[in-house]
Amino acid sequence: MSALPEIAKVKERSDRARGRLFLVVGPSGAGKDTLIDAARYRFKGDPTYSFPKRYITRRGEIGEQHIVVDEATFAKQVSDGKFFLYWWAHGFGYGIASEIQDVLHSGTSIVVNVSRTVLDDARCLWPNTYVIHVTAERSKLAARIAERGRETSSEIAQRLSRTVDDIPKGRDVIAIDNSGHLEDTKRSFFDALLLVHASSG
């Protein structure tokens, strides 16, 4: 289920032609990439939304489809200002290409999975920013992480105990609980994207 804020009152923007930046955040195992993949399919061919791949210093066969870069290249891209947002997590570097600003300026909305640590930076860089916080019951998070088979039980426990001001705060935050049926969660996720666009565009 989702808890949509009063979207029409969330933010008033002088430039309503610009796209919205949807930042999908939440703990490991919450299903963020699953929901983004579902939205990518749902809105395929719709120029309203764009789902850029992330740059990650991780092998391409692991996890989501992403653009693989080595650490040296990633560091140079950071120093050259090639990223709109970037962060380090779990031993890997993650980046969102600076080209998304052109996409946003064109009026297309961006949907991307990011770390909660970069939310304030994103809000400063792009005023039409909305945070979709996806979470689930702890037992479900643990089971989903274990299913991926990439981490030991102790590493899973560390992930679950790690907090970064756990719950994002602000009137731009949309909360979605992915503890129940996935199809219900998908509908809540799609509704969030559609309602924000309809009321802000």
Foldseek 3Di string as FASTA:
>chain_A
DKDAFPLLPQDADPDLLFAAEEEEEEFALLCRVVLLVVVCVVCPPPQQEDEDAKEKCDDCVADDHHHHDHPVVVVVCVVVVQFLDWDDDPHMIIGHGPCVRVSRRNRHYYYYYDYPVCVVVVCVVDVNYAYEYGYEDPVSSLVSVVVSVPDDSVVSVVRSVDPDVNDDDGSRYMYAYRHDDNVVSSVVSVCNVVVNSVSRD
